[in-house]
Amino acid sequence: MNPSLAESIGVNTNNLLISQPNSTENLFSMIDTLTRNKSITVVVVDSVSSSEIRKKYTRTFLDGKSDQVTCGGNALPFYAAVRMKLFKKALLKSRDKLLVLGSV
């Protein structure tokens, strides 16, 4: 993650926890602990498909509501309250200052 870029689009990096767990199981364990303790209010996971599964096998899950395939096995739909798919559409600038990254 680039902290300068995050700050330029309005992210308060002083209140941001960044973690890079070494496996998908550790990722979900950490999320479970933090949310049960109400230590955090929002969790964003980037690149679930690049997280290593400890058992070294890969499965895909199709939830039936969408034609999109989600990597990460059967666990992800149980942990994800909101899942967003973002695409870069446009940059909104004012006098060479980036205001917002538009998405669809």
N, C-alpha and C. Protein backbone atom coordinates (compact mmCIF):
# COMPACT_ATOMS: atom_id res chain seq x y z
N MET A 1 0.83 -1.17 0.00
CA MET A 1 0.00 0.00 0.00
C MET A 1 0.88 1.24 0.00
N ASN A 2 0.44 2.25 -0.71
CA ASN A 2 1.14 3.51 -0.77
C ASN A 2 0.43 4.51 0.14
N PRO A 3 0.97 4.80 1.35
CA PRO A 3 0.30 5.71 2.28
C PRO A 3 0.06 7.10 1.71
N SER A 4 0.99 7.62 0.94
CA SER A 4 0.82 8.96 0.35
C SER A 4 -0.37 8.99 -0.59
N LEU A 5 -0.51 7.97 -1.41
CA LEU A 5 -1.65 7.89 -2.32
C LEU A 5 -2.95 7.77 -1.53
N ALA A 6 -2.96 6.93 -0.51
CA ALA A 6 -4.16 6.76 0.32
C ALA A 6 -4.56 8.09 0.95
N GLU A 7 -3.60 8.83 1.49
CA GLU A 7 -3.90 10.13 2.10
C GLU A 7 -4.41 11.12 1.07
N SER A 8 -3.90 11.05 -0.16
CA SER A 8 -4.33 12.00 -1.19
C SER A 8 -5.78 11.80 -1.60
N ILE A 9 -6.34 10.62 -1.34
CA ILE A 9 -7.76 10.39 -1.65
C ILE A 9 -8.63 10.39 -0.40
N GLY A 10 -8.06 10.90 0.72
CA GLY A 10 -8.87 11.11 1.92
C GLY A 10 -8.81 10.04 2.99
N VAL A 11 -7.93 9.06 2.86
CA VAL A 11 -7.82 8.02 3.88
C VAL A 11 -7.00 8.55 5.05
N ASN A 12 -7.54 8.43 6.27
CA ASN A 12 -6.81 8.83 7.47
C ASN A 12 -5.91 7.66 7.87
N THR A 13 -4.66 7.69 7.44
CA THR A 13 -3.77 6.56 7.68
C THR A 13 -3.36 6.43 9.14
N ASN A 14 -3.60 7.45 9.96
CA ASN A 14 -3.32 7.34 11.40
C ASN A 14 -4.29 6.39 12.08
N ASN A 15 -5.49 6.23 11.53
CA ASN A 15 -6.49 5.34 12.10
C ASN A 15 -6.67 4.07 11.26
N LEU A 16 -5.63 3.68 10.56
CA LEU A 16 -5.71 2.56 9.64
C LEU A 16 -4.81 1.42 10.11
N LEU A 17 -5.37 0.23 10.22
CA LEU A 17 -4.59 -0.96 10.57
C LEU A 17 -4.32 -1.73 9.29
N ILE A 18 -3.06 -1.95 9.01
CA ILE A 18 -2.68 -2.72 7.82
C ILE A 18 -2.02 -4.00 8.30
N SER A 19 -2.51 -5.11 7.82
CA SER A 19 -1.96 -6.40 8.21
C SER A 19 -1.77 -7.26 6.97
N GLN A 20 -0.74 -8.06 6.99
CA GLN A 20 -0.46 -8.97 5.87
C GLN A 20 -0.29 -10.38 6.43
N PRO A 21 -1.40 -11.04 6.77
CA PRO A 21 -1.31 -12.40 7.31
C PRO A 21 -0.71 -13.36 6.29
N ASN A 22 -0.07 -14.42 6.80
CA ASN A 22 0.63 -15.34 5.91
C ASN A 22 -0.25 -16.43 5.32
N SER A 23 -1.53 -16.47 5.70
CA SER A 23 -2.44 -17.45 5.11
C SER A 23 -3.87 -16.94 5.19
N THR A 24 -4.74 -17.52 4.39
CA THR A 24 -6.15 -17.14 4.40
C THR A 24 -6.77 -17.47 5.75
N GLU A 25 -6.39 -18.60 6.34
CA GLU A 25 -6.93 -18.98 7.65
C GLU A 25 -6.57 -17.94 8.70
N ASN A 26 -5.32 -17.45 8.69
CA ASN A 26 -4.90 -16.42 9.64
C ASN A 26 -5.63 -15.10 9.38
N LEU A 27 -5.90 -14.81 8.13
CA LEU A 27 -6.65 -13.61 7.77
C LEU A 27 -8.03 -13.63 8.42
N PHE A 28 -8.77 -14.74 8.22
CA PHE A 28 -10.12 -14.82 8.77
C PHE A 28 -10.10 -14.90 10.29
N SER A 29 -9.10 -15.51 10.87
CA SER A 29 -8.97 -15.57 12.33
C SER A 29 -8.77 -14.17 12.90
N MET A 30 -7.92 -13.37 12.25
CA MET A 30 -7.68 -12.01 12.70
C MET A 30 -8.94 -11.16 12.57
N ILE A 31 -9.64 -11.28 11.45
CA ILE A 31 -10.89 -10.53 11.25
C ILE A 31 -11.90 -10.92 12.31
N ASP A 32 -12.02 -12.21 12.60
CA ASP A 32 -12.96 -12.70 13.61
C ASP A 32 -12.65 -12.11 14.98
N THR A 33 -11.38 -12.12 15.37
CA THR A 33 -10.97 -11.58 16.67
C THR A 33 -11.26 -10.08 16.76
N LEU A 34 -10.87 -9.33 15.75
CA LEU A 34 -11.05 -7.88 15.78
C LEU A 34 -12.52 -7.47 15.77
N THR A 35 -13.35 -8.18 15.02
CA THR A 35 -14.77 -7.81 14.96
C THR A 35 -15.52 -8.25 16.20
N ARG A 36 -15.16 -9.38 16.78
CA ARG A 36 -15.81 -9.82 18.03
C ARG A 36 -15.51 -8.86 19.17
N ASN A 37 -14.28 -8.33 19.21
CA ASN A 37 -13.89 -7.38 20.25
C ASN A 37 -14.35 -5.97 19.95
N LYS A 38 -14.99 -5.78 18.80
CA LYS A 38 -15.43 -4.45 18.35
C LYS A 38 -14.28 -3.45 18.31
N SER A 39 -13.09 -3.96 17.96
CA SER A 39 -11.90 -3.11 17.85
C SER A 39 -11.91 -2.29 16.58
N ILE A 40 -12.63 -2.76 15.58
CA ILE A 40 -12.67 -2.07 14.29
C ILE A 40 -14.11 -2.01 13.80
N THR A 41 -14.36 -1.10 12.87
CA THR A 41 -15.71 -0.96 12.33
C THR A 41 -15.81 -1.39 10.87
N VAL A 42 -14.72 -1.31 10.13
CA VAL A 42 -14.74 -1.67 8.71
C VAL A 42 -13.51 -2.53 8.41
N VAL A 43 -13.73 -3.60 7.64
CA VAL A 43 -12.62 -4.45 7.21
C VAL A 43 -12.61 -4.46 5.68
N VAL A 44 -11.46 -4.20 5.11
CA VAL A 44 -11.28 -4.26 3.66
C VAL A 44 -10.18 -5.28 3.39
N VAL A 45 -10.50 -6.28 2.59
CA VAL A 45 -9.51 -7.29 2.22
C VAL A 45 -9.25 -7.16 0.74
N ASP A 46 -8.00 -6.95 0.40
CA ASP A 46 -7.61 -6.84 -0.99
C ASP A 46 -6.88 -8.12 -1.38
N SER A 47 -7.21 -8.65 -2.52
CA SER A 47 -6.51 -9.79 -3.10
C SER A 47 -6.68 -11.07 -2.29
N VAL A 48 -7.92 -11.44 -2.01
CA VAL A 48 -8.18 -12.71 -1.33
C VAL A 48 -7.61 -13.85 -2.15
N SER A 49 -7.72 -13.76 -3.45
CA SER A 49 -7.26 -14.86 -4.30
C SER A 49 -5.75 -15.05 -4.26
N SER A 50 -5.01 -14.02 -3.85
CA SER A 50 -3.56 -14.18 -3.78
C SER A 50 -3.11 -14.66 -2.40
N SER A 51 -4.02 -14.73 -1.43
CA SER A 51 -3.68 -15.26 -0.11
C SER A 51 -3.46 -16.76 -0.23
N GLU A 52 -2.48 -17.24 0.49
CA GLU A 52 -2.18 -18.67 0.43
C GLU A 52 -3.08 -19.44 1.38
N ILE A 53 -3.60 -20.54 0.91
CA ILE A 53 -4.38 -21.43 1.76
C ILE A 53 -3.40 -22.44 2.34
N ARG A 54 -3.46 -22.60 3.67
CA ARG A 54 -2.48 -23.43 4.35
C ARG A 54 -2.44 -24.86 3.82
N LYS A 55 -3.57 -25.40 3.41
CA LYS A 55 -3.61 -26.79 2.94
C LYS A 55 -3.11 -26.92 1.50
N LYS A 56 -2.74 -25.80 0.88
CA LYS A 56 -2.17 -25.78 -0.45
C LYS A 56 -3.08 -26.35 -1.53
N TYR A 57 -4.35 -26.09 -1.43
CA TYR A 57 -5.24 -26.44 -2.53
C TYR A 57 -6.16 -25.26 -2.78
N THR A 58 -6.68 -25.19 -3.98
CA THR A 58 -7.52 -24.07 -4.36
C THR A 58 -8.89 -24.58 -4.76
N ARG A 59 -9.91 -23.88 -4.30
CA ARG A 59 -11.28 -24.19 -4.70
C ARG A 59 -11.93 -22.87 -5.10
N THR A 60 -12.95 -22.95 -5.90
CA THR A 60 -13.71 -21.77 -6.26
C THR A 60 -15.13 -21.96 -5.80
N PHE A 61 -15.79 -20.86 -5.55
CA PHE A 61 -17.15 -20.89 -5.04
C PHE A 61 -18.02 -20.02 -5.93
N LEU A 62 -19.13 -20.53 -6.35
CA LEU A 62 -20.09 -19.78 -7.14
C LEU A 62 -21.36 -19.69 -6.31
N ASP A 63 -21.75 -18.48 -5.90
CA ASP A 63 -22.86 -18.34 -4.96
C ASP A 63 -24.24 -18.44 -5.57
N GLY A 64 -24.36 -18.54 -6.87
CA GLY A 64 -25.67 -18.70 -7.50
C GLY A 64 -26.41 -17.41 -7.73
N LYS A 65 -26.04 -16.32 -7.05
CA LYS A 65 -26.71 -15.03 -7.22
C LYS A 65 -26.03 -14.20 -8.29
N SER A 66 -24.84 -14.61 -8.64
CA SER A 66 -24.05 -13.86 -9.60
C SER A 66 -23.28 -14.85 -10.46
N ASP A 67 -22.91 -14.42 -11.63
CA ASP A 67 -22.10 -15.31 -12.46
C ASP A 67 -20.61 -15.13 -12.18
N GLN A 68 -20.28 -14.36 -11.15
CA GLN A 68 -18.89 -14.13 -10.79
C GLN A 68 -18.38 -15.25 -9.89
N VAL A 69 -17.20 -15.74 -10.16
CA VAL A 69 -16.58 -16.78 -9.35
C VAL A 69 -15.71 -16.11 -8.30
N THR A 70 -15.85 -16.54 -7.06
CA THR A 70 -15.07 -15.99 -5.96
C THR A 70 -14.03 -17.00 -5.53
N CYS A 71 -12.78 -16.59 -5.56
CA CYS A 71 -11.71 -17.46 -5.08
C CYS A 71 -11.72 -17.48 -3.56
N GLY A 72 -11.18 -18.51 -2.97
CA GLY A 72 -11.05 -18.57 -1.52
C GLY A 72 -11.87 -19.66 -0.88
N GLY A 73 -12.50 -20.50 -1.66
CA GLY A 73 -13.25 -21.62 -1.09
C GLY A 73 -14.60 -21.20 -0.57
N ASN A 74 -15.14 -22.00 0.35
CA ASN A 74 -16.49 -21.76 0.87
C ASN A 74 -16.54 -20.75 2.01
N ALA A 75 -15.41 -20.38 2.58
CA ALA A 75 -15.41 -19.51 3.76
C ALA A 75 -15.81 -18.07 3.45
N LEU A 76 -15.39 -17.54 2.33
CA LEU A 76 -15.58 -16.12 2.04
C LEU A 76 -17.02 -15.65 2.14
N PRO A 77 -18.01 -16.33 1.58
CA PRO A 77 -19.39 -15.84 1.69
C PRO A 77 -19.89 -15.76 3.14
N PHE A 78 -19.34 -16.57 4.04
CA PHE A 78 -19.76 -16.52 5.43
C PHE A 78 -19.16 -15.32 6.16
N TYR A 79 -18.01 -14.85 5.73
CA TYR A 79 -17.33 -13.74 6.38
C TYR A 79 -17.68 -12.39 5.76
N ALA A 80 -18.09 -12.37 4.52
CA ALA A 80 -18.32 -11.11 3.81
C ALA A 80 -19.73 -10.62 4.02
N ALA A 81 -19.88 -9.49 4.72
CA ALA A 81 -21.19 -8.88 4.89
C ALA A 81 -21.54 -8.07 3.65
N VAL A 82 -20.55 -7.40 3.10
CA VAL A 82 -20.73 -6.60 1.88
C VAL A 82 -19.54 -6.90 0.98
N ARG A 83 -19.82 -7.22 -0.25
CA ARG A 83 -18.76 -7.46 -1.22
C ARG A 83 -18.96 -6.50 -2.37
N MET A 84 -17.91 -5.75 -2.70
CA MET A 84 -18.00 -4.77 -3.78
C MET A 84 -17.00 -5.11 -4.87
N LYS A 85 -17.43 -4.91 -6.08
CA LYS A 85 -16.52 -5.06 -7.20
C LYS A 85 -16.36 -3.66 -7.79
N LEU A 86 -15.15 -3.13 -7.76
CA LEU A 86 -14.89 -1.77 -8.20
C LEU A 86 -14.07 -1.76 -9.48
N PHE A 87 -14.42 -0.85 -10.35
CA PHE A 87 -13.69 -0.65 -11.58
C PHE A 87 -13.36 0.83 -11.69
N LYS A 88 -12.17 1.14 -12.14
CA LYS A 88 -11.79 2.53 -12.34
C LYS A 88 -12.59 3.08 -13.51
N LYS A 89 -13.26 4.19 -13.29
CA LYS A 89 -14.04 4.83 -14.34
C LYS A 89 -13.42 6.17 -14.72
N ALA A 90 -13.15 7.00 -13.71
CA ALA A 90 -12.62 8.33 -13.99
C ALA A 90 -11.98 8.91 -12.74
N LEU A 91 -11.10 9.87 -12.95
CA LEU A 91 -10.51 10.62 -11.85
C LEU A 91 -11.13 12.01 -11.86
N LEU A 92 -11.56 12.49 -10.71
CA LEU A 92 -12.12 13.82 -10.59
C LEU A 92 -11.06 14.71 -9.98
N LYS A 93 -10.63 15.72 -10.73
CA LYS A 93 -9.56 16.60 -10.27
C LYS A 93 -10.03 18.04 -10.23
N SER A 94 -9.41 18.81 -9.35
CA SER A 94 -9.64 20.25 -9.26
C SER A 94 -8.29 20.91 -9.09
N ARG A 95 -7.88 21.67 -10.07
CA ARG A 95 -6.57 22.34 -10.05
C ARG A 95 -5.44 21.37 -9.71
N ASP A 96 -5.39 20.28 -10.43
CA ASP A 96 -4.34 19.27 -10.28
C ASP A 96 -4.35 18.53 -8.95
N LYS A 97 -5.42 18.66 -8.17
CA LYS A 97 -5.56 17.91 -6.93
C LYS A 97 -6.60 16.82 -7.14
N LEU A 98 -6.22 15.59 -6.84
CA LEU A 98 -7.15 14.48 -6.98
C LEU A 98 -8.20 14.56 -5.88
N LEU A 99 -9.48 14.63 -6.29
CA LEU A 99 -10.57 14.73 -5.32
C LEU A 99 -11.18 13.38 -5.02
N VAL A 100 -11.42 12.59 -6.05
CA VAL A 100 -12.10 11.32 -5.85
C VAL A 100 -11.79 10.40 -7.03
N LEU A 101 -11.80 9.13 -6.76
CA LEU A 101 -11.65 8.12 -7.80
C LEU A 101 -13.04 7.58 -8.07
N GLY A 102 -13.57 7.83 -9.25
CA GLY A 102 -14.91 7.37 -9.59
C GLY A 102 -14.90 5.89 -9.92
N SER A 103 -15.97 5.20 -9.55
CA SER A 103 -16.06 3.77 -9.84
C SER A 103 -17.49 3.40 -10.18
N VAL A 104 -17.64 2.23 -10.77
CA VAL A 104 -18.96 1.70 -11.10
C VAL A 104 -19.10 0.32 -10.50
